[in-house]
Amino acid sequence: MSSGPPAHALVLRHRAKPGRREELIEVWRRHMPEAVQANDGHRAYVLCASYVDPDVMVVFQHYRDAAAAQEFLGNPAYLRYLEESGDLLSGPPEVEAVEPLWSKAVVADD
């Protein structure tokens, strides 16, 4: 059992303007992979394209704790992503904070 702060995770749904999800994903690919890889606060990060809605990009982020999630909001690459993606989005993302209860680490294909 861990004696530190509890792990923290987020599920985000980013809705692109109609037909612009691929552009949004390209902006993400330009700015986010290196920042996430270098961030010790991330335990896992999964970028997904929704099968249900062709305009939605879903992101799962598992952080060491809530403070690590808050700290990442100031990452320069994340701020550049926000700036460049703003015109592609139909509004702010839907964000749900969740409590990670169990996970399996797997190295995914790029």
PDB file of N, CA and C in Angstrom:
ATOM      1  N   MET A   1       0.825  -1.179   0.000  1.00  0.00           N
ATOM      2  CA  MET A   1       0.000   0.000   0.000  1.00  0.00           C
ATOM      3  C   MET A   1       0.870   1.243   0.000  1.00  0.00           C
ATOM      4  N   SER A   2       0.532   2.219  -0.815  1.00  0.00           N
ATOM      5  CA  SER A   2       1.294   3.445  -0.924  1.00  0.00           C
ATOM      6  C   SER A   2       0.916   4.402   0.197  1.00  0.00           C
ATOM      7  N   SER A   3       1.916   5.116   0.714  1.00  0.00           N
ATOM      8  CA  SER A   3       1.620   6.089   1.764  1.00  0.00           C
ATOM      9  C   SER A   3       1.577   7.505   1.213  1.00  0.00           C
ATOM     10  N   GLY A   4       1.892   7.695  -0.095  1.00  0.00           N
ATOM     11  CA  GLY A   4       1.872   9.011  -0.718  1.00  0.00           C
ATOM     12  C   GLY A   4       0.487   9.388  -1.182  1.00  0.00           C
ATOM     13  N   PRO A   5       0.408  10.507  -1.893  1.00  0.00           N
ATOM     14  CA  PRO A   5      -0.890  10.939  -2.423  1.00  0.00           C
ATOM     15  C   PRO A   5      -1.435   9.910  -3.415  1.00  0.00           C
ATOM     16  N   PRO A   6      -2.746   9.817  -3.532  1.00  0.00           N
ATOM     17  CA  PRO A   6      -3.319   8.823  -4.446  1.00  0.00           C
ATOM     18  C   PRO A   6      -3.035   9.183  -5.904  1.00  0.00           C
ATOM     19  N   ALA A   7      -2.937   8.161  -6.744  1.00  0.00           N
ATOM     20  CA  ALA A   7      -2.784   8.374  -8.172  1.00  0.00           C
ATOM     21  C   ALA A   7      -4.008   9.128  -8.690  1.00  0.00           C
ATOM     22  N   HIS A   8      -3.858   9.720  -9.841  1.00  0.00           N
ATOM     23  CA  HIS A   8      -4.896  10.581 -10.401  1.00  0.00           C
ATOM     24  C   HIS A   8      -4.968  10.314 -11.898  1.00  0.00           C
ATOM     25  N   ALA A   9      -6.143  10.253 -12.451  1.00  0.00           N
ATOM     26  CA  ALA A   9      -6.281  10.052 -13.892  1.00  0.00           C
ATOM     27  C   ALA A   9      -7.388  10.935 -14.440  1.00  0.00           C
ATOM     28  N   LEU A  10      -7.278  11.196 -15.735  1.00  0.00           N
ATOM     29  CA  LEU A  10      -8.261  12.015 -16.428  1.00  0.00           C
ATOM     30  C   LEU A  10      -8.667  11.325 -17.719  1.00  0.00           C
ATOM     31  N   VAL A  11      -9.938  11.436 -18.054  1.00  0.00           N
ATOM     32  CA  VAL A  11     -10.448  11.025 -19.351  1.00  0.00           C
ATOM     33  C   VAL A  11     -10.986  12.300 -19.994  1.00  0.00           C
ATOM     34  N   LEU A  12     -10.437  12.638 -21.166  1.00  0.00           N
ATOM     35  CA  LEU A  12     -10.830  13.863 -21.860  1.00  0.00           C
ATOM     36  C   LEU A  12     -11.400  13.525 -23.222  1.00  0.00           C
ATOM     37  N   ARG A  13     -12.468  14.209 -23.583  1.00  0.00           N
ATOM     38  CA  ARG A  13     -13.065  14.081 -24.925  1.00  0.00           C
ATOM     39  C   ARG A  13     -12.941  15.439 -25.598  1.00  0.00           C
ATOM     40  N   HIS A  14     -12.102  15.499 -26.625  1.00  0.00           N
ATOM     41  CA  HIS A  14     -11.907  16.716 -27.402  1.00  0.00           C
ATOM     42  C   HIS A  14     -12.761  16.603 -28.659  1.00  0.00           C
ATOM     43  N   ARG A  15     -13.702  17.525 -28.849  1.00  0.00           N
ATOM     44  CA  ARG A  15     -14.561  17.501 -30.034  1.00  0.00           C
ATOM     45  C   ARG A  15     -14.031  18.510 -31.043  1.00  0.00           C
ATOM     46  N   ALA A  16     -13.544  17.980 -32.165  1.00  0.00           N
ATOM     47  CA  ALA A  16     -13.086  18.839 -33.255  1.00  0.00           C
ATOM     48  C   ALA A  16     -14.287  19.388 -34.011  1.00  0.00           C
ATOM     49  N   LYS A  17     -14.073  20.481 -34.692  1.00  0.00           N
ATOM     50  CA  LYS A  17     -15.101  20.971 -35.604  1.00  0.00           C
ATOM     51  C   LYS A  17     -15.314  19.892 -36.663  1.00  0.00           C
ATOM     52  N   PRO A  18     -16.497  19.819 -37.243  1.00  0.00           N
ATOM     53  CA  PRO A  18     -16.798  18.738 -38.187  1.00  0.00           C
ATOM     54  C   PRO A  18     -15.702  18.548 -39.259  1.00  0.00           C
ATOM     55  N   GLY A  19     -15.240  17.309 -39.350  1.00  0.00           N
ATOM     56  CA  GLY A  19     -14.250  16.937 -40.347  1.00  0.00           C
ATOM     57  C   GLY A  19     -12.819  17.353 -40.048  1.00  0.00           C
ATOM     58  N   ARG A  20     -12.532  17.865 -38.846  1.00  0.00           N
ATOM     59  CA  ARG A  20     -11.193  18.401 -38.550  1.00  0.00           C
ATOM     60  C   ARG A  20     -10.421  17.590 -37.513  1.00  0.00           C
ATOM     61  N   ARG A  21     -10.917  16.390 -37.164  1.00  0.00           N
ATOM     62  CA  ARG A  21     -10.225  15.596 -36.146  1.00  0.00           C
ATOM     63  C   ARG A  21      -8.809  15.244 -36.571  1.00  0.00           C
ATOM     64  N   GLU A  22      -8.594  14.880 -37.820  1.00  0.00           N
ATOM     65  CA  GLU A  22      -7.245  14.507 -38.254  1.00  0.00           C
ATOM     66  C   GLU A  22      -6.270  15.670 -38.106  1.00  0.00           C
ATOM     67  N   GLU A  23      -6.723  16.878 -38.387  1.00  0.00           N
ATOM     68  CA  GLU A  23      -5.880  18.059 -38.180  1.00  0.00           C
ATOM     69  C   GLU A  23      -5.546  18.221 -36.698  1.00  0.00           C
ATOM     70  N   LEU A  24      -6.541  17.997 -35.846  1.00  0.00           N
ATOM     71  CA  LEU A  24      -6.332  18.093 -34.395  1.00  0.00           C
ATOM     72  C   LEU A  24      -5.297  17.070 -33.942  1.00  0.00           C
ATOM     73  N   ILE A  25      -5.405  15.859 -34.444  1.00  0.00           N
ATOM     74  CA  ILE A  25      -4.442  14.810 -34.074  1.00  0.00           C
ATOM     75  C   ILE A  25      -3.044  15.190 -34.546  1.00  0.00           C
ATOM     76  N   GLU A  26      -2.926  15.783 -35.727  1.00  0.00           N
ATOM     77  CA  GLU A  26      -1.609  16.209 -36.223  1.00  0.00           C
ATOM     78  C   GLU A  26      -1.002  17.294 -35.340  1.00  0.00           C
ATOM     79  N   VAL A  27      -1.814  18.217 -34.864  1.00  0.00           N
ATOM     80  CA  VAL A  27      -1.323  19.240 -33.940  1.00  0.00           C
ATOM     81  C   VAL A  27      -0.836  18.564 -32.659  1.00  0.00           C
ATOM     82  N   TRP A  28      -1.609  17.606 -32.161  1.00  0.00           N
ATOM     83  CA  TRP A  28      -1.199  16.874 -30.961  1.00  0.00           C
ATOM     84  C   TRP A  28       0.149  16.191 -31.204  1.00  0.00           C
ATOM     85  N   ARG A  29       0.285  15.506 -32.331  1.00  0.00           N
ATOM     86  CA  ARG A  29       1.532  14.787 -32.645  1.00  0.00           C
ATOM     87  C   ARG A  29       2.732  15.731 -32.752  1.00  0.00           C
ATOM     88  N   ARG A  30       2.505  16.951 -33.181  1.00  0.00           N
ATOM     89  CA  ARG A  30       3.597  17.923 -33.308  1.00  0.00           C
ATOM     90  C   ARG A  30       4.116  18.380 -31.948  1.00  0.00           C
ATOM     91  N   HIS A  31       3.236  18.469 -30.960  1.00  0.00           N
ATOM     92  CA  HIS A  31       3.613  19.104 -29.698  1.00  0.00           C
ATOM     93  C   HIS A  31       3.698  18.183 -28.488  1.00  0.00           C
ATOM     94  N   MET A  32       2.892  17.139 -28.432  1.00  0.00           N
ATOM     95  CA  MET A  32       2.706  16.436 -27.169  1.00  0.00           C
ATOM     96  C   MET A  32       3.579  15.211 -26.907  1.00  0.00           C
ATOM     97  N   PRO A  33       3.900  14.368 -27.881  1.00  0.00           N
ATOM     98  CA  PRO A  33       4.606  13.126 -27.541  1.00  0.00           C
ATOM     99  C   PRO A  33       5.891  13.320 -26.740  1.00  0.00           C
ATOM    100  N   GLU A  34       6.753  14.216 -27.167  1.00  0.00           N
ATOM    101  CA  GLU A  34       8.017  14.413 -26.442  1.00  0.00           C
ATOM    102  C   GLU A  34       7.767  14.944 -25.036  1.00  0.00           C
ATOM    103  N   ALA A  35       6.811  15.873 -24.908  1.00  0.00           N
ATOM    104  CA  ALA A  35       6.518  16.439 -23.588  1.00  0.00           C
ATOM    105  C   ALA A  35       5.997  15.371 -22.638  1.00  0.00           C
ATOM    106  N   VAL A  36       5.124  14.501 -23.131  1.00  0.00           N
ATOM    107  CA  VAL A  36       4.573  13.437 -22.291  1.00  0.00           C
ATOM    108  C   VAL A  36       5.665  12.424 -21.944  1.00  0.00           C
ATOM    109  N   GLN A  37       6.469  12.037 -22.930  1.00  0.00           N
ATOM    110  CA  GLN A  37       7.548  11.065 -22.673  1.00  0.00           C
ATOM    111  C   GLN A  37       8.513  11.583 -21.614  1.00  0.00           C
ATOM    112  N   ALA A  38       8.805  12.877 -21.644  1.00  0.00           N
ATOM    113  CA  ALA A  38       9.776  13.456 -20.711  1.00  0.00           C
ATOM    114  C   ALA A  38       9.185  13.772 -19.344  1.00  0.00           C
ATOM    115  N   ASN A  39       7.875  13.686 -19.205  1.00  0.00           N
ATOM    116  CA  ASN A  39       7.219  14.069 -17.957  1.00  0.00           C
ATOM    117  C   ASN A  39       7.155  12.898 -16.977  1.00  0.00           C
ATOM    118  N   ASP A  40       7.909  13.007 -15.900  1.00  0.00           N
ATOM    119  CA  ASP A  40       7.907  11.950 -14.876  1.00  0.00           C
ATOM    120  C   ASP A  40       6.573  11.806 -14.158  1.00  0.00           C
ATOM    121  N   GLY A  41       5.730  12.820 -14.232  1.00  0.00           N
ATOM    122  CA  GLY A  41       4.429  12.764 -13.571  1.00  0.00           C
ATOM    123  C   GLY A  41       3.420  11.866 -14.266  1.00  0.00           C
ATOM    124  N   HIS A  42       3.636  11.603 -15.560  1.00  0.00           N
ATOM    125  CA  HIS A  42       2.722  10.718 -16.290  1.00  0.00           C
ATOM    126  C   HIS A  42       3.118   9.262 -16.052  1.00  0.00           C
ATOM    127  N   ARG A  43       2.162   8.463 -15.627  1.00  0.00           N
ATOM    128  CA  ARG A  43       2.357   7.009 -15.551  1.00  0.00           C
ATOM    129  C   ARG A  43       1.904   6.360 -16.850  1.00  0.00           C
ATOM    130  N   ALA A  44       0.887   6.935 -17.468  1.00  0.00           N
ATOM    131  CA  ALA A  44       0.372   6.435 -18.752  1.00  0.00           C
ATOM    132  C   ALA A  44      -0.332   7.577 -19.456  1.00  0.00           C
ATOM    133  N   TYR A  45      -0.343   7.489 -20.769  1.00  0.00           N
ATOM    134  CA  TYR A  45      -1.036   8.490 -21.592  1.00  0.00           C
ATOM    135  C   TYR A  45      -1.441   7.770 -22.858  1.00  0.00           C
ATOM    136  N   VAL A  46      -2.722   7.796 -23.169  1.00  0.00           N
ATOM    137  CA  VAL A  46      -3.221   7.091 -24.350  1.00  0.00           C
ATOM    138  C   VAL A  46      -4.071   8.058 -25.166  1.00  0.00           C
ATOM    139  N   LEU A  47      -3.670   8.268 -26.413  1.00  0.00           N
ATOM    140  CA  LEU A  47      -4.426   9.085 -27.353  1.00  0.00           C
ATOM    141  C   LEU A  47      -5.279   8.155 -28.194  1.00  0.00           C
ATOM    142  N   CYS A  48      -6.573   8.440 -28.320  1.00  0.00           N
ATOM    143  CA  CYS A  48      -7.490   7.557 -29.041  1.00  0.00           C
ATOM    144  C   CYS A  48      -8.372   8.369 -29.988  1.00  0.00           C
ATOM    145  N   ALA A  49      -8.773   7.734 -31.079  1.00  0.00           N
ATOM    146  CA  ALA A  49      -9.782   8.280 -31.979  1.00  0.00           C
ATOM    147  C   ALA A  49     -11.068   7.504 -31.709  1.00  0.00           C
ATOM    148  N   SER A  50     -12.152   8.225 -31.501  1.00  0.00           N
ATOM    149  CA  SER A  50     -13.430   7.582 -31.226  1.00  0.00           C
ATOM    150  C   SER A  50     -13.928   6.832 -32.447  1.00  0.00           C
ATOM    151  N   TYR A  51     -14.401   5.618 -32.239  1.00  0.00           N
ATOM    152  CA  TYR A  51     -15.090   4.871 -33.299  1.00  0.00           C
ATOM    153  C   TYR A  51     -16.529   5.375 -33.454  1.00  0.00           C
ATOM    154  N   VAL A  52     -17.098   5.886 -32.371  1.00  0.00           N
ATOM    155  CA  VAL A  52     -18.502   6.284 -32.355  1.00  0.00           C
ATOM    156  C   VAL A  52     -18.716   7.646 -33.024  1.00  0.00           C
ATOM    157  N   ASP A  53     -17.796   8.565 -32.799  1.00  0.00           N
ATOM    158  CA  ASP A  53     -17.950   9.924 -33.322  1.00  0.00           C
ATOM    159  C   ASP A  53     -16.689  10.319 -34.081  1.00  0.00           C
ATOM    160  N   PRO A  54     -16.767  10.522 -35.384  1.00  0.00           N
ATOM    161  CA  PRO A  54     -15.586  10.815 -36.196  1.00  0.00           C
ATOM    162  C   PRO A  54     -14.944  12.166 -35.911  1.00  0.00           C
ATOM    163  N   ASP A  55     -15.563  12.975 -35.069  1.00  0.00           N
ATOM    164  CA  ASP A  55     -14.992  14.274 -34.725  1.00  0.00           C
ATOM    165  C   ASP A  55     -14.379  14.300 -33.326  1.00  0.00           C
ATOM    166  N   VAL A  56     -14.365  13.171 -32.628  1.00  0.00           N
ATOM    167  CA  VAL A  56     -13.904  13.140 -31.242  1.00  0.00           C
ATOM    168  C   VAL A  56     -12.563  12.429 -31.106  1.00  0.00           C
ATOM    169  N   MET A  57     -11.692  13.071 -30.331  1.00  0.00           N
ATOM    170  CA  MET A  57     -10.408  12.512 -29.918  1.00  0.00           C
ATOM    171  C   MET A  57     -10.514  12.316 -28.405  1.00  0.00           C
ATOM    172  N   VAL A  58     -10.200  11.119 -27.932  1.00  0.00           N
ATOM    173  CA  VAL A  58     -10.280  10.800 -26.510  1.00  0.00           C
ATOM    174  C   VAL A  58      -8.863  10.608 -25.981  1.00  0.00           C
ATOM    175  N   VAL A  59      -8.600  11.157 -24.803  1.00  0.00           N
ATOM    176  CA  VAL A  59      -7.285  11.027 -24.183  1.00  0.00           C
ATOM    177  C   VAL A  59      -7.472  10.477 -22.773  1.00  0.00           C
ATOM    178  N   PHE A  60      -6.656   9.463 -22.439  1.00  0.00           N
ATOM    179  CA  PHE A  60      -6.594   8.952 -21.073  1.00  0.00           C
ATOM    180  C   PHE A  60      -5.227   9.303 -20.520  1.00  0.00           C
ATOM    181  N   GLN A  61      -5.199   9.961 -19.371  1.00  0.00           N
ATOM    182  CA  GLN A  61      -3.944  10.344 -18.725  1.00  0.00           C
ATOM    183  C   GLN A  61      -3.936   9.805 -17.300  1.00  0.00           C
ATOM    184  N   HIS A  62      -2.895   9.077 -16.968  1.00  0.00           N
ATOM    185  CA  HIS A  62      -2.725   8.540 -15.613  1.00  0.00           C
ATOM    186  C   HIS A  62      -1.496   9.230 -15.027  1.00  0.00           C
ATOM    187  N   TYR A  63      -1.713   9.978 -13.969  1.00  0.00           N
ATOM    188  CA  TYR A  63      -0.645  10.738 -13.330  1.00  0.00           C
ATOM    189  C   TYR A  63      -0.237  10.109 -12.001  1.00  0.00           C
ATOM    190  N   ARG A  64       0.939  10.461 -11.568  1.00  0.00           N
ATOM    191  CA  ARG A  64       1.440  10.038 -10.249  1.00  0.00           C
ATOM    192  C   ARG A  64       0.485  10.527  -9.163  1.00  0.00           C
ATOM    193  N   ASP A  65       0.017  11.768  -9.282  1.00  0.00           N
ATOM    194  CA  ASP A  65      -0.926  12.357  -8.330  1.00  0.00           C
ATOM    195  C   ASP A  65      -1.540  13.602  -8.960  1.00  0.00           C
ATOM    196  N   ALA A  66      -2.495  14.202  -8.274  1.00  0.00           N
ATOM    197  CA  ALA A  66      -3.196  15.369  -8.809  1.00  0.00           C
ATOM    198  C   ALA A  66      -2.255  16.554  -8.998  1.00  0.00           C
ATOM    199  N   ALA A  67      -1.248  16.686  -8.146  1.00  0.00           N
ATOM    200  CA  ALA A  67      -0.292  17.793  -8.284  1.00  0.00           C
ATOM    201  C   ALA A  67       0.488  17.671  -9.593  1.00  0.00           C
ATOM    202  N   ALA A  68       0.838  16.450  -9.984  1.00  0.00           N
ATOM    203  CA  ALA A  68       1.554  16.241 -11.248  1.00  0.00           C
ATOM    204  C   ALA A  68       0.677  16.630 -12.433  1.00  0.00           C
ATOM    205  N   ALA A  69      -0.610  16.348 -12.352  1.00  0.00           N
ATOM    206  CA  ALA A  69      -1.540  16.737 -13.413  1.00  0.00           C
ATOM    207  C   ALA A  69      -1.615  18.257 -13.504  1.00  0.00           C
ATOM    208  N   GLN A  70      -1.718  18.916 -12.399  1.00  0.00           N
ATOM    209  CA  GLN A  70      -1.795  20.378 -12.365  1.00  0.00           C
ATOM    210  C   GLN A  70      -0.504  20.987 -12.909  1.00  0.00           C
ATOM    211  N   GLU A  71       0.617  20.427 -12.533  1.00  0.00           N
ATOM    212  CA  GLU A  71       1.914  20.945 -12.978  1.00  0.00           C
ATOM    213  C   GLU A  71       2.059  20.868 -14.496  1.00  0.00           C
ATOM    214  N   PHE A  72       1.564  19.802 -15.109  1.00  0.00           N
ATOM    215  CA  PHE A  72       1.717  19.624 -16.555  1.00  0.00           C
ATOM    216  C   PHE A  72       0.974  20.707 -17.345  1.00  0.00           C
ATOM    217  N   LEU A  73      -0.034  21.319 -16.747  1.00  0.00           N
ATOM    218  CA  LEU A  73      -0.790  22.366 -17.440  1.00  0.00           C
ATOM    219  C   LEU A  73       0.082  23.558 -17.828  1.00  0.00           C
ATOM    220  N   GLY A  74       1.233  23.723 -17.176  1.00  0.00           N
ATOM    221  CA  GLY A  74       2.153  24.811 -17.502  1.00  0.00           C
ATOM    222  C   GLY A  74       3.261  24.404 -18.454  1.00  0.00           C
ATOM    223  N   ASN A  75       3.254  23.156 -18.919  1.00  0.00           N
ATOM    224  CA  ASN A  75       4.304  22.685 -19.829  1.00  0.00           C
ATOM    225  C   ASN A  75       4.264  23.500 -21.123  1.00  0.00           C
ATOM    226  N   PRO A  76       5.402  24.045 -21.569  1.00  0.00           N
ATOM    227  CA  PRO A  76       5.419  24.871 -22.787  1.00  0.00           C
ATOM    228  C   PRO A  76       4.864  24.154 -24.023  1.00  0.00           C
ATOM    229  N   ALA A  77       5.136  22.870 -24.184  1.00  0.00           N
ATOM    230  CA  ALA A  77       4.610  22.132 -25.340  1.00  0.00           C
ATOM    231  C   ALA A  77       3.089  22.022 -25.243  1.00  0.00           C
ATOM    232  N   TYR A  78       2.569  21.812 -24.061  1.00  0.00           N
ATOM    233  CA  TYR A  78       1.117  21.747 -23.880  1.00  0.00           C
ATOM    234  C   TYR A  78       0.480  23.104 -24.201  1.00  0.00           C
ATOM    235  N   LEU A  79       1.116  24.177 -23.764  1.00  0.00           N
ATOM    236  CA  LEU A  79       0.597  25.511 -24.044  1.00  0.00           C
ATOM    237  C   LEU A  79       0.609  25.805 -25.550  1.00  0.00           C
ATOM    238  N   ARG A  80       1.632  25.352 -26.262  1.00  0.00           N
ATOM    239  CA  ARG A  80       1.672  25.517 -27.721  1.00  0.00           C
ATOM    240  C   ARG A  80       0.558  24.696 -28.377  1.00  0.00           C
ATOM    241  N   TYR A  81       0.348  23.473 -27.881  1.00  0.00           N
ATOM    242  CA  TYR A  81      -0.741  22.642 -28.392  1.00  0.00           C
ATOM    243  C   TYR A  81      -2.082  23.360 -28.223  1.00  0.00           C
ATOM    244  N   LEU A  82      -2.322  23.911 -27.042  1.00  0.00           N
ATOM    245  CA  LEU A  82      -3.577  24.626 -26.789  1.00  0.00           C
ATOM    246  C   LEU A  82      -3.758  25.782 -27.764  1.00  0.00           C
ATOM    247  N   GLU A  83      -2.705  26.539 -27.961  1.00  0.00           N
ATOM    248  CA  GLU A  83      -2.776  27.697 -28.846  1.00  0.00           C
ATOM    249  C   GLU A  83      -3.086  27.278 -30.289  1.00  0.00           C
ATOM    250  N   GLU A  84      -2.392  26.253 -30.759  1.00  0.00           N
ATOM    251  CA  GLU A  84      -2.555  25.841 -32.153  1.00  0.00           C
ATOM    252  C   GLU A  84      -3.846  25.063 -32.402  1.00  0.00           C
ATOM    253  N   SER A  85      -4.361  24.388 -31.395  1.00  0.00           N
ATOM    254  CA  SER A  85      -5.560  23.559 -31.588  1.00  0.00           C
ATOM    255  C   SER A  85      -6.860  24.319 -31.396  1.00  0.00           C
ATOM    256  N   GLY A  86      -6.811  25.510 -30.839  1.00  0.00           N
ATOM    257  CA  GLY A  86      -8.024  26.241 -30.488  1.00  0.00           C
ATOM    258  C   GLY A  86      -9.015  26.405 -31.624  1.00  0.00           C
ATOM    259  N   ASP A  87      -8.529  26.718 -32.824  1.00  0.00           N
ATOM    260  CA  ASP A  87      -9.426  26.928 -33.964  1.00  0.00           C
ATOM    261  C   ASP A  87      -9.986  25.630 -34.526  1.00  0.00           C
ATOM    262  N   LEU A  88      -9.439  24.501 -34.110  1.00  0.00           N
ATOM    263  CA  LEU A  88      -9.907  23.202 -34.608  1.00  0.00           C
ATOM    264  C   LEU A  88     -11.007  22.612 -33.733  1.00  0.00           C
ATOM    265  N   LEU A  89     -11.153  23.124 -32.519  1.00  0.00           N
ATOM    266  CA  LEU A  89     -12.090  22.566 -31.542  1.00  0.00           C
ATOM    267  C   LEU A  89     -13.430  23.275 -31.585  1.00  0.00           C
ATOM    268  N   SER A  90     -14.485  22.520 -31.329  1.00  0.00           N
ATOM    269  CA  SER A  90     -15.823  23.118 -31.278  1.00  0.00           C
ATOM    270  C   SER A  90     -16.144  23.674 -29.898  1.00  0.00           C
ATOM    271  N   GLY A  91     -15.266  23.456 -28.928  1.00  0.00           N
ATOM    272  CA  GLY A  91     -15.455  23.939 -27.568  1.00  0.00           C
ATOM    273  C   GLY A  91     -14.419  23.309 -26.657  1.00  0.00           C
ATOM    274  N   PRO A  92     -14.503  23.613 -25.368  1.00  0.00           N
ATOM    275  CA  PRO A  92     -13.543  23.013 -24.432  1.00  0.00           C
ATOM    276  C   PRO A  92     -13.778  21.507 -24.304  1.00  0.00           C
ATOM    277  N   PRO A  93     -12.736  20.762 -23.919  1.00  0.00           N
ATOM    278  CA  PRO A  93     -12.913  19.315 -23.778  1.00  0.00           C
ATOM    279  C   PRO A  93     -13.822  18.975 -22.594  1.00  0.00           C
ATOM    280  N   GLU A  94     -14.469  17.823 -22.706  1.00  0.00           N
ATOM    281  CA  GLU A  94     -15.159  17.253 -21.549  1.00  0.00           C
ATOM    282  C   GLU A  94     -14.074  16.550 -20.744  1.00  0.00           C
ATOM    283  N   VAL A  95     -13.995  16.847 -19.459  1.00  0.00           N
ATOM    284  CA  VAL A  95     -12.947  16.285 -18.610  1.00  0.00           C
ATOM    285  C   VAL A  95     -13.597  15.561 -17.450  1.00  0.00           C
ATOM    286  N   GLU A  96     -13.177  14.330 -17.250  1.00  0.00           N
ATOM    287  CA  GLU A  96     -13.643  13.556 -16.099  1.00  0.00           C
ATOM    288  C   GLU A  96     -12.431  13.066 -15.327  1.00  0.00           C
ATOM    289  N   ALA A  97     -12.323  13.464 -14.070  1.00  0.00           N
ATOM    290  CA  ALA A  97     -11.282  12.933 -13.196  1.00  0.00           C
ATOM    291  C   ALA A  97     -11.747  11.572 -12.685  1.00  0.00           C
ATOM    292  N   VAL A  98     -10.846  10.590 -12.727  1.00  0.00           N
ATOM    293  CA  VAL A  98     -11.172   9.244 -12.273  1.00  0.00           C
ATOM    294  C   VAL A  98     -10.067   8.737 -11.360  1.00  0.00           C
ATOM    295  N   GLU A  99     -10.408   7.786 -10.520  1.00  0.00           N
ATOM    296  CA  GLU A  99      -9.432   7.187  -9.611  1.00  0.00           C
ATOM    297  C   GLU A  99      -8.922   5.876 -10.204  1.00  0.00           C
ATOM    298  N   PRO A 100      -7.634   5.820 -10.543  1.00  0.00           N
ATOM    299  CA  PRO A 100      -7.098   4.557 -11.055  1.00  0.00           C
ATOM    300  C   PRO A 100      -7.066   3.514  -9.931  1.00  0.00           C
ATOM    301  N   LEU A 101      -7.672   2.386 -10.187  1.00  0.00           N
ATOM    302  CA  LEU A 101      -7.690   1.314  -9.194  1.00  0.00           C
ATOM    303  C   LEU A 101      -6.719   0.197  -9.533  1.00  0.00           C
ATOM    304  N   TRP A 102      -6.437   0.026 -10.819  1.00  0.00           N
ATOM    305  CA  TRP A 102      -5.508  -1.014 -11.263  1.00  0.00           C
ATOM    306  C   TRP A 102      -5.110  -0.697 -12.685  1.00  0.00           C
ATOM    307  N   SER A 103      -3.890  -1.011 -13.066  1.00  0.00           N
ATOM    308  CA  SER A 103      -3.481  -0.830 -14.456  1.00  0.00           C
ATOM    309  C   SER A 103      -2.384  -1.833 -14.800  1.00  0.00           C
ATOM    310  N   LYS A 104      -2.252  -2.054 -16.078  1.00  0.00           N
ATOM    311  CA  LYS A 104      -1.201  -2.898 -16.630  1.00  0.00           C
ATOM    312  C   LYS A 104      -0.403  -2.044 -17.593  1.00  0.00           C
ATOM    313  N   ALA A 105       0.890  -1.980 -17.430  1.00  0.00           N
ATOM    314  CA  ALA A 105       1.731  -1.196 -18.341  1.00  0.00           C
ATOM    315  C   ALA A 105       2.098  -2.057 -19.532  1.00  0.00           C
ATOM    316  N   VAL A 106       1.820  -1.520 -20.724  1.00  0.00           N
ATOM    317  CA  VAL A 106       2.149  -2.210 -21.961  1.00  0.00           C
ATOM    318  C   VAL A 106       2.772  -1.179 -22.883  1.00  0.00           C
ATOM    319  N   VAL A 107       3.836  -1.561 -23.554  1.00  0.00           N
ATOM    320  CA  VAL A 107       4.434  -0.665 -24.529  1.00  0.00           C
ATOM    321  C   VAL A 107       3.657  -0.840 -25.837  1.00  0.00           C
ATOM    322  N   ALA A 108       3.071   0.268 -26.308  1.00  0.00           N
ATOM    323  CA  ALA A 108       2.245   0.221 -27.520  1.00  0.00           C
ATOM    324  C   ALA A 108       3.090   0.546 -28.737  1.00  0.00           C
ATOM    325  N   ASP A 109       2.602   0.093 -29.892  1.00  0.00           N
ATOM    326  CA  ASP A 109       3.232   0.453 -31.152  1.00  0.00           C
ATOM    327  C   ASP A 109       2.936   1.913 -31.437  1.00  0.00           C
ATOM    328  N   ASP A 110       3.895   2.602 -32.026  1.00  0.00           N
ATOM    329  CA  ASP A 110       3.679   4.017 -32.391  1.00  0.00           C
ATOM    330  C   ASP A 110       2.985   4.148 -33.698  1.00  0.00           C
TER     331      ASP A 110
END
